[in-house]
Amino acid sequence: MKSTKLPVIDVKKYGGKQIAIMDGKIVGSDEDTRVLVEEVQKKFPQATWREILLVSVPKGLTVIYKI
């Protein structure tokens, strides 16, 4: 299984939102997942969903460890 590069996520900026990550970069964010998906599809019509990771960012500071 291919490892996904995760960028540093600014909780102050993205807290409480959904973000889309592609090639290790945040390519979109919104509070509404449906709006985010439509935005990413418009920006990257050639991208498959295997290339895009959707992440829900918590409002508070949480530490996430990748094992």
PDB file of N, CA and C in Angstrom:
ATOM      1  N   MET A   1       0.842  -1.187   0.000  1.00  0.00           N
ATOM      2  CA  MET A   1       0.000   0.000   0.000  1.00  0.00           C
ATOM      3  C   MET A   1       0.886   1.249   0.000  1.00  0.00           C
ATOM      4  N   LYS A   2       0.546   2.189  -0.847  1.00  0.00           N
ATOM      5  CA  LYS A   2       1.326   3.415  -0.989  1.00  0.00           C
ATOM      6  C   LYS A   2       1.109   4.341   0.208  1.00  0.00           C
ATOM      7  N   SER A   3       2.189   4.884   0.737  1.00  0.00           N
ATOM      8  CA  SER A   3       2.124   5.811   1.861  1.00  0.00           C
ATOM      9  C   SER A   3       1.722   7.199   1.357  1.00  0.00           C
ATOM     10  N   THR A   4       0.833   7.856   2.095  1.00  0.00           N
ATOM     11  CA  THR A   4       0.384   9.195   1.736  1.00  0.00           C
ATOM     12  C   THR A   4       1.173  10.217   2.536  1.00  0.00           C
ATOM     13  N   LYS A   5       1.721  11.209   1.836  1.00  0.00           N
ATOM     14  CA  LYS A   5       2.407  12.300   2.522  1.00  0.00           C
ATOM     15  C   LYS A   5       1.365  13.202   3.158  1.00  0.00           C
ATOM     16  N   LEU A   6       1.559  13.506   4.441  1.00  0.00           N
ATOM     17  CA  LEU A   6       0.628  14.398   5.130  1.00  0.00           C
ATOM     18  C   LEU A   6       1.316  15.727   5.419  1.00  0.00           C
ATOM     19  N   PRO A   7       0.678  16.820   5.035  1.00  0.00           N
ATOM     20  CA  PRO A   7       1.253  18.139   5.333  1.00  0.00           C
ATOM     21  C   PRO A   7       1.012  18.519   6.786  1.00  0.00           C
ATOM     22  N   VAL A   8       1.690  19.527   7.246  1.00  0.00           N
ATOM     23  CA  VAL A   8       1.399  20.088   8.565  1.00  0.00           C
ATOM     24  C   VAL A   8       0.083  20.836   8.436  1.00  0.00           C
ATOM     25  N   ILE A   9      -0.859  20.515   9.313  1.00  0.00           N
ATOM     26  CA  ILE A   9      -2.194  21.108   9.234  1.00  0.00           C
ATOM     27  C   ILE A   9      -2.337  22.157  10.333  1.00  0.00           C
ATOM     28  N   ASP A  10      -2.605  23.382   9.953  1.00  0.00           N
ATOM     29  CA  ASP A  10      -2.781  24.491  10.882  1.00  0.00           C
ATOM     30  C   ASP A  10      -4.183  24.405  11.491  1.00  0.00           C
ATOM     31  N   VAL A  11      -4.247  23.993  12.767  1.00  0.00           N
ATOM     32  CA  VAL A  11      -5.534  23.822  13.431  1.00  0.00           C
ATOM     33  C   VAL A  11      -6.268  25.154  13.576  1.00  0.00           C
ATOM     34  N   LYS A  12      -5.533  26.241  13.757  1.00  0.00           N
ATOM     35  CA  LYS A  12      -6.184  27.556  13.875  1.00  0.00           C
ATOM     36  C   LYS A  12      -6.899  27.933  12.580  1.00  0.00           C
ATOM     37  N   LYS A  13      -6.304  27.564  11.446  1.00  0.00           N
ATOM     38  CA  LYS A  13      -6.874  27.912  10.148  1.00  0.00           C
ATOM     39  C   LYS A  13      -7.953  26.917   9.710  1.00  0.00           C
ATOM     40  N   TYR A  14      -7.721  25.625   9.927  1.00  0.00           N
ATOM     41  CA  TYR A  14      -8.606  24.588   9.397  1.00  0.00           C
ATOM     42  C   TYR A  14      -9.456  23.886  10.450  1.00  0.00           C
ATOM     43  N   GLY A  15      -9.349  24.282  11.716  1.00  0.00           N
ATOM     44  CA  GLY A  15     -10.106  23.634  12.784  1.00  0.00           C
ATOM     45  C   GLY A  15     -11.601  23.646  12.534  1.00  0.00           C
ATOM     46  N   GLY A  16     -12.246  22.478  12.652  1.00  0.00           N
ATOM     47  CA  GLY A  16     -13.686  22.366  12.435  1.00  0.00           C
ATOM     48  C   GLY A  16     -14.076  22.222  10.980  1.00  0.00           C
ATOM     49  N   LYS A  17     -13.097  22.097  10.094  1.00  0.00           N
ATOM     50  CA  LYS A  17     -13.378  21.989   8.661  1.00  0.00           C
ATOM     51  C   LYS A  17     -12.928  20.628   8.120  1.00  0.00           C
ATOM     52  N   GLN A  18     -13.374  20.342   6.917  1.00  0.00           N
ATOM     53  CA  GLN A  18     -12.900  19.193   6.152  1.00  0.00           C
ATOM     54  C   GLN A  18     -11.821  19.722   5.223  1.00  0.00           C
ATOM     55  N   ILE A  19     -10.750  18.955   5.035  1.00  0.00           N
ATOM     56  CA  ILE A  19      -9.723  19.369   4.079  1.00  0.00           C
ATOM     57  C   ILE A  19      -9.459  18.237   3.099  1.00  0.00           C
ATOM     58  N   ALA A  20      -9.035  18.609   1.911  1.00  0.00           N
ATOM     59  CA  ALA A  20      -8.656  17.640   0.890  1.00  0.00           C
ATOM     60  C   ALA A  20      -7.149  17.743   0.689  1.00  0.00           C
ATOM     61  N   ILE A  21      -6.480  16.581   0.724  1.00  0.00           N
ATOM     62  CA  ILE A  21      -5.028  16.524   0.563  1.00  0.00           C
ATOM     63  C   ILE A  21      -4.713  15.716  -0.688  1.00  0.00           C
ATOM     64  N   MET A  22      -3.813  16.273  -1.503  1.00  0.00           N
ATOM     65  CA  MET A  22      -3.383  15.592  -2.723  1.00  0.00           C
ATOM     66  C   MET A  22      -1.899  15.852  -2.906  1.00  0.00           C
ATOM     67  N   ASP A  23      -1.120  14.812  -3.125  1.00  0.00           N
ATOM     68  CA  ASP A  23       0.331  14.920  -3.298  1.00  0.00           C
ATOM     69  C   ASP A  23       1.000  15.663  -2.150  1.00  0.00           C
ATOM     70  N   GLY A  24       0.517  15.437  -0.927  1.00  0.00           N
ATOM     71  CA  GLY A  24       1.129  16.045   0.238  1.00  0.00           C
ATOM     72  C   GLY A  24       0.806  17.514   0.444  1.00  0.00           C
ATOM     73  N   LYS A  25      -0.182  18.036  -0.296  1.00  0.00           N
ATOM     74  CA  LYS A  25      -0.562  19.446  -0.176  1.00  0.00           C
ATOM     75  C   LYS A  25      -2.061  19.559   0.070  1.00  0.00           C
ATOM     76  N   ILE A  26      -2.444  20.560   0.847  1.00  0.00           N
ATOM     77  CA  ILE A  26      -3.861  20.835   1.065  1.00  0.00           C
ATOM     78  C   ILE A  26      -4.384  21.562  -0.170  1.00  0.00           C
ATOM     79  N   VAL A  27      -5.368  20.951  -0.844  1.00  0.00           N
ATOM     80  CA  VAL A  27      -5.871  21.519  -2.099  1.00  0.00           C
ATOM     81  C   VAL A  27      -7.258  22.135  -1.959  1.00  0.00           C
ATOM     82  N   GLY A  28      -7.867  21.999  -0.773  1.00  0.00           N
ATOM     83  CA  GLY A  28      -9.174  22.605  -0.562  1.00  0.00           C
ATOM     84  C   GLY A  28      -9.639  22.401   0.858  1.00  0.00           C
ATOM     85  N   SER A  29     -10.544  23.269   1.295  1.00  0.00           N
ATOM     86  CA  SER A  29     -11.123  23.128   2.629  1.00  0.00           C
ATOM     87  C   SER A  29     -12.505  23.766   2.650  1.00  0.00           C
ATOM     88  N   ASP A  30     -13.376  23.201   3.476  1.00  0.00           N
ATOM     89  CA  ASP A  30     -14.716  23.751   3.652  1.00  0.00           C
ATOM     90  C   ASP A  30     -15.353  23.089   4.857  1.00  0.00           C
ATOM     91  N   GLU A  31     -16.356  23.735   5.434  1.00  0.00           N
ATOM     92  CA  GLU A  31     -17.083  23.135   6.545  1.00  0.00           C
ATOM     93  C   GLU A  31     -18.044  22.064   6.045  1.00  0.00           C
ATOM     94  N   ASP A  32     -18.471  22.174   4.791  1.00  0.00           N
ATOM     95  CA  ASP A  32     -19.410  21.229   4.193  1.00  0.00           C
ATOM     96  C   ASP A  32     -18.653  20.281   3.263  1.00  0.00           C
ATOM     97  N   THR A  33     -18.731  18.988   3.546  1.00  0.00           N
ATOM     98  CA  THR A  33     -18.000  17.997   2.752  1.00  0.00           C
ATOM     99  C   THR A  33     -18.446  18.007   1.295  1.00  0.00           C
ATOM    100  N   ARG A  34     -19.731  18.148   1.059  1.00  0.00           N
ATOM    101  CA  ARG A  34     -20.251  18.143  -0.318  1.00  0.00           C
ATOM    102  C   ARG A  34     -19.669  19.298  -1.131  1.00  0.00           C
ATOM    103  N   VAL A  35     -19.610  20.475  -0.529  1.00  0.00           N
ATOM    104  CA  VAL A  35     -19.046  21.651  -1.198  1.00  0.00           C
ATOM    105  C   VAL A  35     -17.554  21.420  -1.483  1.00  0.00           C
ATOM    106  N   LEU A  36     -16.847  20.843  -0.517  1.00  0.00           N
ATOM    107  CA  LEU A  36     -15.417  20.561  -0.700  1.00  0.00           C
ATOM    108  C   LEU A  36     -15.185  19.594  -1.847  1.00  0.00           C
ATOM    109  N   VAL A  37     -15.977  18.532  -1.914  1.00  0.00           N
ATOM    110  CA  VAL A  37     -15.824  17.545  -2.990  1.00  0.00           C
ATOM    111  C   VAL A  37     -16.067  18.198  -4.348  1.00  0.00           C
ATOM    112  N   GLU A  38     -17.097  19.026  -4.452  1.00  0.00           N
ATOM    113  CA  GLU A  38     -17.378  19.715  -5.722  1.00  0.00           C
ATOM    114  C   GLU A  38     -16.234  20.654  -6.100  1.00  0.00           C
ATOM    115  N   GLU A  39     -15.678  21.363  -5.109  1.00  0.00           N
ATOM    116  CA  GLU A  39     -14.563  22.286  -5.349  1.00  0.00           C
ATOM    117  C   GLU A  39     -13.327  21.542  -5.863  1.00  0.00           C
ATOM    118  N   VAL A  40     -13.019  20.413  -5.242  1.00  0.00           N
ATOM    119  CA  VAL A  40     -11.841  19.641  -5.644  1.00  0.00           C
ATOM    120  C   VAL A  40     -12.050  19.028  -7.032  1.00  0.00           C
ATOM    121  N   GLN A  41     -13.261  18.567  -7.319  1.00  0.00           N
ATOM    122  CA  GLN A  41     -13.547  18.007  -8.643  1.00  0.00           C
ATOM    123  C   GLN A  41     -13.404  19.057  -9.740  1.00  0.00           C
ATOM    124  N   LYS A  42     -13.759  20.308  -9.449  1.00  0.00           N
ATOM    125  CA  LYS A  42     -13.603  21.383 -10.434  1.00  0.00           C
ATOM    126  C   LYS A  42     -12.134  21.728 -10.652  1.00  0.00           C
ATOM    127  N   LYS A  43     -11.347  21.767  -9.548  1.00  0.00           N
ATOM    128  CA  LYS A  43      -9.926  22.100  -9.650  1.00  0.00           C
ATOM    129  C   LYS A  43      -9.114  21.002 -10.326  1.00  0.00           C
ATOM    130  N   PHE A  44      -9.466  19.746 -10.039  1.00  0.00           N
ATOM    131  CA  PHE A  44      -8.690  18.606 -10.521  1.00  0.00           C
ATOM    132  C   PHE A  44      -9.605  17.559 -11.160  1.00  0.00           C
ATOM    133  N   PRO A  45     -10.170  17.853 -12.322  1.00  0.00           N
ATOM    134  CA  PRO A  45     -11.112  16.900 -12.940  1.00  0.00           C
ATOM    135  C   PRO A  45     -10.448  15.581 -13.348  1.00  0.00           C
ATOM    136  N   GLN A  46      -9.145  15.580 -13.547  1.00  0.00           N
ATOM    137  CA  GLN A  46      -8.441  14.375 -13.964  1.00  0.00           C
ATOM    138  C   GLN A  46      -8.059  13.479 -12.791  1.00  0.00           C
ATOM    139  N   ALA A  47      -8.144  13.981 -11.568  1.00  0.00           N
ATOM    140  CA  ALA A  47      -7.719  13.231 -10.380  1.00  0.00           C
ATOM    141  C   ALA A  47      -8.740  12.151 -10.020  1.00  0.00           C
ATOM    142  N   THR A  48      -8.221  11.007  -9.571  1.00  0.00           N
ATOM    143  CA  THR A  48      -9.093   9.936  -9.081  1.00  0.00           C
ATOM    144  C   THR A  48      -9.182  10.045  -7.567  1.00  0.00           C
ATOM    145  N   TRP A  49     -10.182   9.400  -6.984  1.00  0.00           N
ATOM    146  CA  TRP A  49     -10.352   9.488  -5.536  1.00  0.00           C
ATOM    147  C   TRP A  49      -9.292   8.710  -4.781  1.00  0.00           C
ATOM    148  N   ARG A  50      -8.516   7.906  -5.461  1.00  0.00           N
ATOM    149  CA  ARG A  50      -7.374   7.240  -4.825  1.00  0.00           C
ATOM    150  C   ARG A  50      -6.247   8.229  -4.558  1.00  0.00           C
ATOM    151  N   GLU A  51      -6.243   9.339  -5.267  1.00  0.00           N
ATOM    152  CA  GLU A  51      -5.194  10.349  -5.132  1.00  0.00           C
ATOM    153  C   GLU A  51      -5.539  11.435  -4.116  1.00  0.00           C
ATOM    154  N   ILE A  52      -6.791  11.478  -3.676  1.00  0.00           N
ATOM    155  CA  ILE A  52      -7.259  12.553  -2.797  1.00  0.00           C
ATOM    156  C   ILE A  52      -7.651  11.969  -1.442  1.00  0.00           C
ATOM    157  N   LEU A  53      -7.172  12.603  -0.389  1.00  0.00           N
ATOM    158  CA  LEU A  53      -7.492  12.186   0.971  1.00  0.00           C
ATOM    159  C   LEU A  53      -8.340  13.271   1.620  1.00  0.00           C
ATOM    160  N   LEU A  54      -9.516  12.903   2.132  1.00  0.00           N
ATOM    161  CA  LEU A  54     -10.368  13.841   2.853  1.00  0.00           C
ATOM    162  C   LEU A  54     -10.143  13.635   4.347  1.00  0.00           C
ATOM    163  N   VAL A  55      -9.904  14.732   5.067  1.00  0.00           N
ATOM    164  CA  VAL A  55      -9.611  14.670   6.494  1.00  0.00           C
ATOM    165  C   VAL A  55     -10.490  15.676   7.223  1.00  0.00           C
ATOM    166  N   SER A  56     -11.041  15.243   8.344  1.00  0.00           N
ATOM    167  CA  SER A  56     -11.797  16.142   9.214  1.00  0.00           C
ATOM    168  C   SER A  56     -10.849  16.654  10.283  1.00  0.00           C
ATOM    169  N   VAL A  57     -10.676  17.964  10.356  1.00  0.00           N
ATOM    170  CA  VAL A  57      -9.746  18.572  11.316  1.00  0.00           C
ATOM    171  C   VAL A  57     -10.530  18.949  12.570  1.00  0.00           C
ATOM    172  N   PRO A  58     -10.103  18.466  13.738  1.00  0.00           N
ATOM    173  CA  PRO A  58     -10.819  18.813  14.973  1.00  0.00           C
ATOM    174  C   PRO A  58     -10.668  20.290  15.312  1.00  0.00           C
ATOM    175  N   LYS A  59     -11.625  20.824  16.058  1.00  0.00           N
ATOM    176  CA  LYS A  59     -11.579  22.240  16.435  1.00  0.00           C
ATOM    177  C   LYS A  59     -10.478  22.522  17.443  1.00  0.00           C
ATOM    178  N   GLY A  60     -10.247  21.589  18.343  1.00  0.00           N
ATOM    179  CA  GLY A  60      -9.227  21.779  19.373  1.00  0.00           C
ATOM    180  C   GLY A  60      -7.901  21.185  18.956  1.00  0.00           C
ATOM    181  N   LEU A  61      -6.895  21.451  19.756  1.00  0.00           N
ATOM    182  CA  LEU A  61      -5.568  20.941  19.468  1.00  0.00           C
ATOM    183  C   LEU A  61      -5.505  19.466  19.822  1.00  0.00           C
ATOM    184  N   THR A  62      -5.219  18.645  18.840  1.00  0.00           N
ATOM    185  CA  THR A  62      -5.105  17.211  19.011  1.00  0.00           C
ATOM    186  C   THR A  62      -3.820  16.762  18.350  1.00  0.00           C
ATOM    187  N   VAL A  63      -3.120  15.873  18.990  1.00  0.00           N
ATOM    188  CA  VAL A  63      -1.894  15.342  18.412  1.00  0.00           C
ATOM    189  C   VAL A  63      -2.228  14.042  17.701  1.00  0.00           C
ATOM    190  N   ILE A  64      -1.801  13.935  16.440  1.00  0.00           N
ATOM    191  CA  ILE A  64      -2.048  12.731  15.649  1.00  0.00           C
ATOM    192  C   ILE A  64      -0.703  12.093  15.345  1.00  0.00           C
ATOM    193  N   TYR A  65      -0.586  10.822  15.686  1.00  0.00           N
ATOM    194  CA  TYR A  65       0.639  10.082  15.426  1.00  0.00           C
ATOM    195  C   TYR A  65       0.387   9.085  14.306  1.00  0.00           C
ATOM    196  N   LYS A  66       1.327   8.996  13.385  1.00  0.00           N
ATOM    197  CA  LYS A  66       1.249   8.008  12.316  1.00  0.00           C
ATOM    198  C   LYS A  66       2.191   6.872  12.684  1.00  0.00           C
ATOM    199  N   ILE A  67       1.658   5.679  12.753  1.00  0.00           N
ATOM    200  CA  ILE A  67       2.474   4.521  13.164  1.00  0.00           C
ATOM    201  C   ILE A  67       2.807   3.685  11.945  1.00  0.00           C
TER     202      ILE A  67
END
